[in-house]
Amino acid sequence: MAMMLFDETKLTRGHQRIADYISKNMDDVPFMVEENIAAACGVSISTVSRFWAEVGSKNLKEFKQRVKDEALLSPARKLQSAFDKVGGESGAAANVLGVADYLQQSADRIDQESFDAAVGLLAEAGTVYIYGPGSAECLTALMDFRLSRFGADVRRLDRGGHELFESMVPIKPQDVIVIFGFVSESPEMAVLLDFAHDRGCRTLLITDLAVSPMLTKATISLFTARGQLWEFHSMVAPIAVIEALIVAVGKEREQAALAGSEELHRLRRKYSKLLPKRV
């Protein structure tokens, strides 16, 4: 089903969480009751009840009718139905199949124009600064490793709180800040986005949020599914999005990428006895 758009700038934080949840579960809206939505979003039932008027409906019933009128069964829903029909799957096999749904959701919501623009940002950047706190640190490491192979100047912003300021000083207008913004906008993310606007540099936001103030602050944003609020958040889809970006950037920087690969191969051959490749 096509994702319904909400004007997050007019919504309270609680209503933003509701809008984000509904955007990700549009196929299930016809079967929802306010109690379920409140529990899933961690808000009160009265907050849910007030939400409908904020998005142009009298109540949940009228909102459901709007969804029904616009409804088209999504590929992600069809894929999940196929998984449900598979018999005899359990344990590890079932878990592996389960994350495929996140890949499908991410693929469904990838905007080609935004993706191409993100590739252009990374390919042309003076320096790429990457910020990804907590579990997203693995994503910053991957992006750093891959882009550096192509000759890009990459630096990780791995400090939080007051110490972040020191890392921001060298950032120039021709640079790009990549932010992995999951779950909610942290104070550090708010600072980086505001700083980028003032400094005149561009930002790429990779997020699992369908509704967030960050989406309007970032130069470009790409959505990647990781699971619901109450689920173990998978990094499979974010990694797939990063890999797709890196391959496209490598194509843009083809000559530099090939030259870097050749130099790497030369160094490995020259010093293979001193630094043998680990198995």
C-alpha atoms as a PDB file:
ATOM      1  CA  MET A   1       0.000   0.000   0.000  1.00  0.00           C
ATOM      2  CA  ALA A   2       1.288   3.471  -0.778  1.00  0.00           C
ATOM      3  CA  MET A   3       2.576   5.268   2.306  1.00  0.00           C
ATOM      4  CA  MET A   4       0.222   8.002   3.527  1.00  0.00           C
ATOM      5  CA  LEU A   5       2.006  11.314   4.027  1.00  0.00           C
ATOM      6  CA  PHE A   6       1.627  13.410   7.181  1.00  0.00           C
ATOM      7  CA  ASP A   7       2.795  16.949   7.866  1.00  0.00           C
ATOM      8  CA  GLU A   8       5.024  16.148  10.834  1.00  0.00           C
ATOM      9  CA  THR A   9       5.771  19.835  11.492  1.00  0.00           C
ATOM     10  CA  LYS A  10       2.223  20.265  12.815  1.00  0.00           C
ATOM     11  CA  LEU A  11       2.238  17.158  15.009  1.00  0.00           C
ATOM     12  CA  THR A  12       3.235  16.746  18.637  1.00  0.00           C
ATOM     13  CA  ARG A  13       5.932  14.201  19.509  1.00  0.00           C
ATOM     14  CA  GLY A  14       3.264  11.654  20.518  1.00  0.00           C
ATOM     15  CA  HIS A  15       1.331  12.192  17.309  1.00  0.00           C
ATOM     16  CA  GLN A  16       4.563  11.865  15.291  1.00  0.00           C
ATOM     17  CA  ARG A  17       5.066   8.401  16.796  1.00  0.00           C
ATOM     18  CA  ILE A  18       1.507   7.453  15.842  1.00  0.00           C
ATOM     19  CA  ALA A  19       1.963   8.776  12.301  1.00  0.00           C
ATOM     20  CA  ASP A  20       5.241   6.885  11.942  1.00  0.00           C
ATOM     21  CA  TYR A  21       3.662   3.642  13.184  1.00  0.00           C
ATOM     22  CA  ILE A  22       0.635   3.950  10.892  1.00  0.00           C
ATOM     23  CA  SER A  23       2.813   4.807   7.888  1.00  0.00           C
ATOM     24  CA  LYS A  24       4.733   1.554   8.405  1.00  0.00           C
ATOM     25  CA  ASN A  25       1.621  -0.565   9.033  1.00  0.00           C
ATOM     26  CA  MET A  26      -0.862   0.875   6.555  1.00  0.00           C
ATOM     27  CA  ASP A  27      -2.045  -2.553   5.439  1.00  0.00           C
ATOM     28  CA  ASP A  28      -3.152  -3.331   8.979  1.00  0.00           C
ATOM     29  CA  VAL A  29      -5.035  -0.077   9.636  1.00  0.00           C
ATOM     30  CA  PRO A  30      -8.471  -1.567   8.785  1.00  0.00           C
ATOM     31  CA  PHE A  31      -8.002  -4.100  11.617  1.00  0.00           C
ATOM     32  CA  MET A  32      -6.682  -1.675  14.251  1.00  0.00           C
ATOM     33  CA  VAL A  33      -8.389  -0.327  17.362  1.00  0.00           C
ATOM     34  CA  GLU A  34      -7.182   2.683  19.320  1.00  0.00           C
ATOM     35  CA  GLU A  35      -6.044   0.549  22.259  1.00  0.00           C
ATOM     36  CA  ASN A  36      -3.669  -1.422  19.998  1.00  0.00           C
ATOM     37  CA  ILE A  37      -2.220   1.726  18.460  1.00  0.00           C
ATOM     38  CA  ALA A  38      -1.717   3.335  21.878  1.00  0.00           C
ATOM     39  CA  ALA A  39       0.102   0.249  23.198  1.00  0.00           C
ATOM     40  CA  ALA A  40       2.291  -0.053  20.088  1.00  0.00           C
ATOM     41  CA  CYS A  41       3.315   3.616  20.184  1.00  0.00           C
ATOM     42  CA  GLY A  42       3.654   3.969  23.946  1.00  0.00           C
ATOM     43  CA  VAL A  43       1.078   6.773  24.189  1.00  0.00           C
ATOM     44  CA  SER A  44      -2.298   7.181  25.870  1.00  0.00           C
ATOM     45  CA  ILE A  45      -5.584   6.264  24.199  1.00  0.00           C
ATOM     46  CA  SER A  46      -6.668   9.911  24.478  1.00  0.00           C
ATOM     47  CA  THR A  47      -3.566  10.923  22.481  1.00  0.00           C
ATOM     48  CA  VAL A  48      -4.590   8.460  19.769  1.00  0.00           C
ATOM     49  CA  SER A  49      -8.160   9.796  19.798  1.00  0.00           C
ATOM     50  CA  ARG A  50      -6.944  13.371  19.279  1.00  0.00           C
ATOM     51  CA  PHE A  51      -4.653  12.285  16.442  1.00  0.00           C
ATOM     52  CA  TRP A  52      -7.411  11.706  13.869  1.00  0.00           C
ATOM     53  CA  ALA A  53      -8.541  15.348  13.865  1.00  0.00           C
ATOM     54  CA  GLU A  54      -4.909  16.425  13.380  1.00  0.00           C
ATOM     55  CA  VAL A  55      -4.727  14.430  10.128  1.00  0.00           C
ATOM     56  CA  GLY A  56      -8.096  15.497   8.751  1.00  0.00           C
ATOM     57  CA  SER A  57     -10.453  12.762   9.974  1.00  0.00           C
ATOM     58  CA  LYS A  58     -13.298  12.837  12.501  1.00  0.00           C
ATOM     59  CA  ASN A  59     -12.269   9.552  14.117  1.00  0.00           C
ATOM     60  CA  LEU A  60     -10.565   6.218  13.527  1.00  0.00           C
ATOM     61  CA  LYS A  61     -13.554   4.901  11.593  1.00  0.00           C
ATOM     62  CA  GLU A  62     -13.374   7.738   9.077  1.00  0.00           C
ATOM     63  CA  PHE A  63      -9.598   7.358   8.825  1.00  0.00           C
ATOM     64  CA  LYS A  64     -10.025   3.650   8.065  1.00  0.00           C
ATOM     65  CA  GLN A  65     -12.401   4.541   5.250  1.00  0.00           C
ATOM     66  CA  ARG A  66      -9.781   6.880   3.772  1.00  0.00           C
ATOM     67  CA  VAL A  67      -7.239   4.089   3.900  1.00  0.00           C
ATOM     68  CA  LYS A  68      -9.695   1.655   2.332  1.00  0.00           C
ATOM     69  CA  ASP A  69     -10.414   4.063  -0.516  1.00  0.00           C
ATOM     70  CA  GLU A  70      -6.679   4.403  -1.245  1.00  0.00           C
ATOM     71  CA  ALA A  71      -5.788   0.795  -0.529  1.00  0.00           C
ATOM     72  CA  LEU A  72      -3.578  -1.264  -2.785  1.00  0.00           C
ATOM     73  CA  LEU A  73      -2.048  -4.479  -1.501  1.00  0.00           C
ATOM     74  CA  SER A  74       1.713  -3.869  -1.106  1.00  0.00           C
ATOM     75  CA  PRO A  75       4.441  -6.202  -2.372  1.00  0.00           C
ATOM     76  CA  ALA A  76       5.704  -6.447   1.205  1.00  0.00           C
ATOM     77  CA  ARG A  77       2.318  -7.769   2.309  1.00  0.00           C
ATOM     78  CA  LYS A  78       2.278 -10.293  -0.507  1.00  0.00           C
ATOM     79  CA  LEU A  79       5.791 -11.433   0.376  1.00  0.00           C
ATOM     80  CA  GLN A  80       4.812 -11.903   4.015  1.00  0.00           C
ATOM     81  CA  SER A  81       1.776 -13.913   2.976  1.00  0.00           C
ATOM     82  CA  ALA A  82       4.047 -16.173   0.960  1.00  0.00           C
ATOM     83  CA  PHE A  83       6.245 -16.706   4.014  1.00  0.00           C
ATOM     84  CA  ASP A  84       3.180 -17.545   6.117  1.00  0.00           C
ATOM     85  CA  LYS A  85       2.276 -20.300   3.678  1.00  0.00           C
ATOM     86  CA  VAL A  86       5.668 -21.951   3.823  1.00  0.00           C
ATOM     87  CA  GLY A  87       5.403 -25.048   5.971  1.00  0.00           C
ATOM     88  CA  GLY A  88       8.037 -26.699   8.102  1.00  0.00           C
ATOM     89  CA  GLU A  89      10.129 -23.558   8.636  1.00  0.00           C
ATOM     90  CA  SER A  90      11.474 -23.083  12.153  1.00  0.00           C
ATOM     91  CA  GLY A  91      14.449 -21.819  14.097  1.00  0.00           C
ATOM     92  CA  ALA A  92      17.284 -20.251  12.101  1.00  0.00           C
ATOM     93  CA  ALA A  93      15.600 -20.745   8.730  1.00  0.00           C
ATOM     94  CA  ALA A  94      12.498 -18.878   9.855  1.00  0.00           C
ATOM     95  CA  ASN A  95      14.589 -16.026  11.249  1.00  0.00           C
ATOM     96  CA  VAL A  96      16.525 -15.686   7.999  1.00  0.00           C
ATOM     97  CA  LEU A  97      13.281 -15.525   6.033  1.00  0.00           C
ATOM     98  CA  GLY A  98      11.868 -13.024   8.508  1.00  0.00           C
ATOM     99  CA  VAL A  99      14.421 -10.299   7.747  1.00  0.00           C
ATOM    100  CA  ALA A 100      13.624 -10.548   4.042  1.00  0.00           C
ATOM    101  CA  ASP A 101      10.491  -8.552   4.800  1.00  0.00           C
ATOM    102  CA  TYR A 102      12.650  -5.618   5.913  1.00  0.00           C
ATOM    103  CA  LEU A 103      14.523  -5.769   2.617  1.00  0.00           C
ATOM    104  CA  GLN A 104      11.244  -5.740   0.702  1.00  0.00           C
ATOM    105  CA  GLN A 105       9.885  -2.799   2.702  1.00  0.00           C
ATOM    106  CA  SER A 106      13.086  -0.846   2.111  1.00  0.00           C
ATOM    107  CA  ALA A 107      13.062  -1.634  -1.613  1.00  0.00           C
ATOM    108  CA  ASP A 108       9.409  -0.586  -1.891  1.00  0.00           C
ATOM    109  CA  ARG A 109      10.108   2.803  -0.321  1.00  0.00           C
ATOM    110  CA  ILE A 110      13.391   3.649  -2.036  1.00  0.00           C
ATOM    111  CA  ASP A 111      12.921   6.790  -4.098  1.00  0.00           C
ATOM    112  CA  GLN A 112      15.217   6.518  -7.123  1.00  0.00           C
ATOM    113  CA  GLU A 113      15.643  10.274  -7.437  1.00  0.00           C
ATOM    114  CA  SER A 114      16.686  10.580  -3.790  1.00  0.00           C
ATOM    115  CA  PHE A 115      18.994   7.577  -4.117  1.00  0.00           C
ATOM    116  CA  ASP A 116      20.722   9.053  -7.174  1.00  0.00           C
ATOM    117  CA  ALA A 117      21.079  12.402  -5.400  1.00  0.00           C
ATOM    118  CA  ALA A 118      22.627  10.635  -2.380  1.00  0.00           C
ATOM    119  CA  VAL A 119      25.141   8.931  -4.656  1.00  0.00           C
ATOM    120  CA  GLY A 120      26.032  12.300  -6.158  1.00  0.00           C
ATOM    121  CA  LEU A 121      26.554  13.820  -2.706  1.00  0.00           C
ATOM    122  CA  LEU A 122      28.920  11.063  -1.617  1.00  0.00           C
ATOM    123  CA  ALA A 123      30.808  10.952  -4.917  1.00  0.00           C
ATOM    124  CA  GLU A 124      31.445  14.706  -5.004  1.00  0.00           C
ATOM    125  CA  ALA A 125      31.993  15.350  -1.286  1.00  0.00           C
ATOM    126  CA  GLY A 126      35.233  16.900  -0.082  1.00  0.00           C
ATOM    127  CA  THR A 127      35.128  14.876   3.132  1.00  0.00           C
ATOM    128  CA  VAL A 128      32.384  12.502   4.248  1.00  0.00           C
ATOM    129  CA  TYR A 129      31.630  12.743   7.971  1.00  0.00           C
ATOM    130  CA  ILE A 130      29.584   9.863   9.388  1.00  0.00           C
ATOM    131  CA  TYR A 131      27.563   9.867  12.609  1.00  0.00           C
ATOM    132  CA  GLY A 132      25.894   6.685  13.836  1.00  0.00           C
ATOM    133  CA  PRO A 133      25.519   6.116  17.588  1.00  0.00           C
ATOM    134  CA  GLY A 134      24.907   2.840  19.401  1.00  0.00           C
ATOM    135  CA  SER A 135      24.134  -0.127  17.193  1.00  0.00           C
ATOM    136  CA  ALA A 136      24.603   2.066  14.104  1.00  0.00           C
ATOM    137  CA  GLU A 137      28.358   2.155  14.775  1.00  0.00           C
ATOM    138  CA  CYS A 138      28.677  -1.009  12.686  1.00  0.00           C
ATOM    139  CA  LEU A 139      27.117   0.880   9.777  1.00  0.00           C
ATOM    140  CA  THR A 140      29.532   3.805  10.125  1.00  0.00           C
ATOM    141  CA  ALA A 141      32.448   1.338  10.141  1.00  0.00           C
ATOM    142  CA  LEU A 142      31.182  -0.366   6.991  1.00  0.00           C
ATOM    143  CA  MET A 143      30.628   2.894   5.123  1.00  0.00           C
ATOM    144  CA  ASP A 144      34.041   4.182   6.239  1.00  0.00           C
ATOM    145  CA  PHE A 145      35.774   0.991   5.073  1.00  0.00           C
ATOM    146  CA  ARG A 146      34.037   0.834   1.689  1.00  0.00           C
ATOM    147  CA  LEU A 147      34.265   4.523   0.755  1.00  0.00           C
ATOM    148  CA  SER A 148      37.917   4.707   1.800  1.00  0.00           C
ATOM    149  CA  ARG A 149      38.660   1.906  -0.666  1.00  0.00           C
ATOM    150  CA  PHE A 150      37.445   4.254  -3.412  1.00  0.00           C
ATOM    151  CA  GLY A 151      39.791   7.032  -2.334  1.00  0.00           C
ATOM    152  CA  ALA A 152      37.179   9.074  -0.482  1.00  0.00           C
ATOM    153  CA  ASP A 153      38.224  11.095   2.572  1.00  0.00           C
ATOM    154  CA  VAL A 154      36.053   9.690   5.379  1.00  0.00           C
ATOM    155  CA  ARG A 155      35.916  10.613   9.041  1.00  0.00           C
ATOM    156  CA  ARG A 156      33.711   9.190  11.765  1.00  0.00           C
ATOM    157  CA  LEU A 157      31.999  11.434  14.290  1.00  0.00           C
ATOM    158  CA  ASP A 158      32.150   8.909  17.113  1.00  0.00           C
ATOM    159  CA  ARG A 159      31.874  11.289  20.040  1.00  0.00           C
ATOM    160  CA  GLY A 160      28.616  12.309  21.655  1.00  0.00           C
ATOM    161  CA  GLY A 161      27.571  15.083  23.970  1.00  0.00           C
ATOM    162  CA  HIS A 162      29.788  18.137  24.440  1.00  0.00           C
ATOM    163  CA  GLU A 163      32.784  16.354  22.845  1.00  0.00           C
ATOM    164  CA  LEU A 164      31.006  16.318  19.470  1.00  0.00           C
ATOM    165  CA  PHE A 165      31.759  20.023  18.986  1.00  0.00           C
ATOM    166  CA  GLU A 166      35.482  19.367  18.594  1.00  0.00           C
ATOM    167  CA  SER A 167      34.834  16.995  15.675  1.00  0.00           C
ATOM    168  CA  MET A 168      32.589  19.562  13.956  1.00  0.00           C
ATOM    169  CA  VAL A 169      35.188  22.351  13.726  1.00  0.00           C
ATOM    170  CA  PRO A 170      36.950  21.109  10.509  1.00  0.00           C
ATOM    171  CA  ILE A 171      33.705  20.555   8.549  1.00  0.00           C
ATOM    172  CA  LYS A 172      33.558  22.719   5.414  1.00  0.00           C
ATOM    173  CA  PRO A 173      30.707  23.683   3.031  1.00  0.00           C
ATOM    174  CA  GLN A 174      31.882  21.174   0.405  1.00  0.00           C
ATOM    175  CA  ASP A 175      31.672  18.293   2.887  1.00  0.00           C
ATOM    176  CA  VAL A 176      28.773  15.905   3.540  1.00  0.00           C
ATOM    177  CA  ILE A 177      27.491  14.660   6.887  1.00  0.00           C
ATOM    178  CA  VAL A 178      25.881  11.201   6.850  1.00  0.00           C
ATOM    179  CA  ILE A 179      23.568  10.589   9.808  1.00  0.00           C
ATOM    180  CA  PHE A 180      22.075   7.243  10.783  1.00  0.00           C
ATOM    181  CA  GLY A 181      18.956   8.451  12.572  1.00  0.00           C
ATOM    182  CA  PHE A 182      17.017   5.559  14.037  1.00  0.00           C
ATOM    183  CA  VAL A 183      14.098   5.479  16.537  1.00  0.00           C
ATOM    184  CA  SER A 184      14.093   9.244  17.249  1.00  0.00           C
ATOM    185  CA  GLU A 185      16.035  12.467  16.792  1.00  0.00           C
ATOM    186  CA  SER A 186      18.761  12.712  19.428  1.00  0.00           C
ATOM    187  CA  PRO A 187      20.180  16.065  20.612  1.00  0.00           C
ATOM    188  CA  GLU A 188      23.410  15.279  18.726  1.00  0.00           C
ATOM    189  CA  MET A 189      21.486  14.714  15.483  1.00  0.00           C
ATOM    190  CA  ALA A 190      19.544  17.937  15.991  1.00  0.00           C
ATOM    191  CA  VAL A 191      22.824  19.810  16.502  1.00  0.00           C
ATOM    192  CA  LEU A 192      24.459  18.277  13.396  1.00  0.00           C
ATOM    193  CA  LEU A 193      21.474  19.069  11.174  1.00  0.00           C
ATOM    194  CA  ASP A 194      21.260  22.649  12.433  1.00  0.00           C
ATOM    195  CA  PHE A 195      25.047  23.078  12.147  1.00  0.00           C
ATOM    196  CA  ALA A 196      25.019  21.756   8.564  1.00  0.00           C
ATOM    197  CA  HIS A 197      22.360  24.286   7.631  1.00  0.00           C
ATOM    198  CA  ASP A 198      24.391  27.146   9.109  1.00  0.00           C
ATOM    199  CA  ARG A 199      27.711  25.914   7.678  1.00  0.00           C
ATOM    200  CA  GLY A 200      26.206  25.375   4.231  1.00  0.00           C
ATOM    201  CA  CYS A 201      27.184  21.712   3.911  1.00  0.00           C
ATOM    202  CA  ARG A 202      24.840  18.923   2.865  1.00  0.00           C
ATOM    203  CA  THR A 203      23.416  16.054   4.881  1.00  0.00           C
ATOM    204  CA  LEU A 204      22.324  12.509   4.061  1.00  0.00           C
ATOM    205  CA  LEU A 205      19.916  10.969   6.570  1.00  0.00           C
ATOM    206  CA  ILE A 206      19.456   7.196   6.587  1.00  0.00           C
ATOM    207  CA  THR A 207      16.505   6.416   8.845  1.00  0.00           C
ATOM    208  CA  ASP A 208      13.805   3.918   9.763  1.00  0.00           C
ATOM    209  CA  LEU A 209      11.361   6.735  10.527  1.00  0.00           C
ATOM    210  CA  ALA A 210       8.544   7.486   8.113  1.00  0.00           C
ATOM    211  CA  VAL A 211       7.598  10.593  10.092  1.00  0.00           C
ATOM    212  CA  SER A 212      10.187  12.779  11.820  1.00  0.00           C
ATOM    213  CA  PRO A 213      11.277  16.439  11.866  1.00  0.00           C
ATOM    214  CA  MET A 214      14.677  15.208  10.650  1.00  0.00           C
ATOM    215  CA  LEU A 215      13.205  14.378   7.239  1.00  0.00           C
ATOM    216  CA  THR A 216      12.654  18.047   6.433  1.00  0.00           C
ATOM    217  CA  LYS A 217      15.977  19.154   7.920  1.00  0.00           C
ATOM    218  CA  ALA A 218      18.204  16.772   5.944  1.00  0.00           C
ATOM    219  CA  THR A 219      19.272  17.525   2.372  1.00  0.00           C
ATOM    220  CA  ILE A 220      18.399  13.961   1.347  1.00  0.00           C
ATOM    221  CA  SER A 221      16.819  11.128   3.318  1.00  0.00           C
ATOM    222  CA  LEU A 222      16.625   7.409   2.570  1.00  0.00           C
ATOM    223  CA  PHE A 223      14.288   5.018   4.366  1.00  0.00           C
ATOM    224  CA  THR A 224      15.339   1.574   5.544  1.00  0.00           C
ATOM    225  CA  ALA A 225      13.188  -0.817   7.558  1.00  0.00           C
ATOM    226  CA  ARG A 226      14.509  -2.334  10.793  1.00  0.00           C
ATOM    227  CA  GLY A 227      11.366  -3.641  12.499  1.00  0.00           C
ATOM    228  CA  GLN A 228       8.791  -2.161  14.846  1.00  0.00           C
ATOM    229  CA  LEU A 229       9.487  -0.308  18.087  1.00  0.00           C
ATOM    230  CA  TRP A 230       8.989  -3.447  20.165  1.00  0.00           C
ATOM    231  CA  GLU A 231      11.052  -5.740  17.925  1.00  0.00           C
ATOM    232  CA  PHE A 232      14.741  -6.580  17.819  1.00  0.00           C
ATOM    233  CA  HIS A 233      16.037  -4.095  15.279  1.00  0.00           C
ATOM    234  CA  SER A 234      17.698  -5.780  12.314  1.00  0.00           C
ATOM    235  CA  MET A 235      20.615  -4.185  10.460  1.00  0.00           C
ATOM    236  CA  VAL A 236      20.164  -6.326   7.354  1.00  0.00           C
ATOM    237  CA  ALA A 237      18.233  -3.733   5.324  1.00  0.00           C
ATOM    238  CA  PRO A 238      20.432  -0.752   6.333  1.00  0.00           C
ATOM    239  CA  ILE A 239      23.514  -2.735   5.288  1.00  0.00           C
ATOM    240  CA  ALA A 240      21.869  -3.553   1.942  1.00  0.00           C
ATOM    241  CA  VAL A 241      21.078   0.132   1.352  1.00  0.00           C
ATOM    242  CA  ILE A 242      24.672   1.103   2.217  1.00  0.00           C
ATOM    243  CA  GLU A 243      26.100  -1.550  -0.096  1.00  0.00           C
ATOM    244  CA  ALA A 244      23.873  -0.322  -2.938  1.00  0.00           C
ATOM    245  CA  LEU A 245      25.043   3.252  -2.312  1.00  0.00           C
ATOM    246  CA  ILE A 246      28.702   2.221  -2.204  1.00  0.00           C
ATOM    247  CA  VAL A 247      28.528   0.309  -5.491  1.00  0.00           C
ATOM    248  CA  ALA A 248      26.868   3.294  -7.170  1.00  0.00           C
ATOM    249  CA  VAL A 249      29.454   5.704  -5.705  1.00  0.00           C
ATOM    250  CA  GLY A 250      32.233   3.373  -6.896  1.00  0.00           C
ATOM    251  CA  LYS A 251      30.802   3.593 -10.392  1.00  0.00           C
ATOM    252  CA  GLU A 252      30.803   7.388 -10.189  1.00  0.00           C
ATOM    253  CA  ARG A 253      34.416   7.379  -8.960  1.00  0.00           C
ATOM    254  CA  GLU A 254      35.418   4.505 -11.242  1.00  0.00           C
ATOM    255  CA  GLN A 255      38.945   5.648 -12.064  1.00  0.00           C
ATOM    256  CA  ALA A 256      39.833   6.430  -8.443  1.00  0.00           C
ATOM    257  CA  ALA A 257      38.248   3.160  -7.308  1.00  0.00           C
ATOM    258  CA  LEU A 258      40.231   1.096  -9.829  1.00  0.00           C
ATOM    259  CA  ALA A 259      43.460   2.912  -9.016  1.00  0.00           C
ATOM    260  CA  GLY A 260      42.920   2.278  -5.319  1.00  0.00           C
ATOM    261  CA  SER A 261      42.283  -1.409  -5.914  1.00  0.00           C
ATOM    262  CA  GLU A 262      45.441  -1.728  -7.997  1.00  0.00           C
ATOM    263  CA  GLU A 263      47.542  -0.016  -5.314  1.00  0.00           C
ATOM    264  CA  LEU A 264      46.042  -2.268  -2.636  1.00  0.00           C
ATOM    265  CA  HIS A 265      46.906  -5.320  -4.717  1.00  0.00           C
ATOM    266  CA  ARG A 266      50.485  -4.055  -5.204  1.00  0.00           C
ATOM    267  CA  LEU A 267      50.988  -3.466  -1.474  1.00  0.00           C
ATOM    268  CA  ARG A 268      49.621  -6.890  -0.608  1.00  0.00           C
ATOM    269  CA  ARG A 269      52.053  -8.569  -3.000  1.00  0.00           C
ATOM    270  CA  LYS A 270      55.043  -6.541  -1.864  1.00  0.00           C
ATOM    271  CA  TYR A 271      54.562  -7.056   1.864  1.00  0.00           C
ATOM    272  CA  SER A 272      52.773 -10.410   1.892  1.00  0.00           C
ATOM    273  CA  LYS A 273      55.616 -12.109   3.802  1.00  0.00           C
ATOM    274  CA  LEU A 274      55.681  -9.483   6.542  1.00  0.00           C
ATOM    275  CA  LEU A 275      51.916  -9.129   6.817  1.00  0.00           C
ATOM    276  CA  PRO A 276      50.363 -12.373   5.537  1.00  0.00           C
ATOM    277  CA  LYS A 277      46.644 -12.430   4.938  1.00  0.00           C
ATOM    278  CA  ARG A 278      44.800 -13.916   7.864  1.00  0.00           C
ATOM    279  CA  VAL A 279      42.510 -16.854   7.194  1.00  0.00           C
END
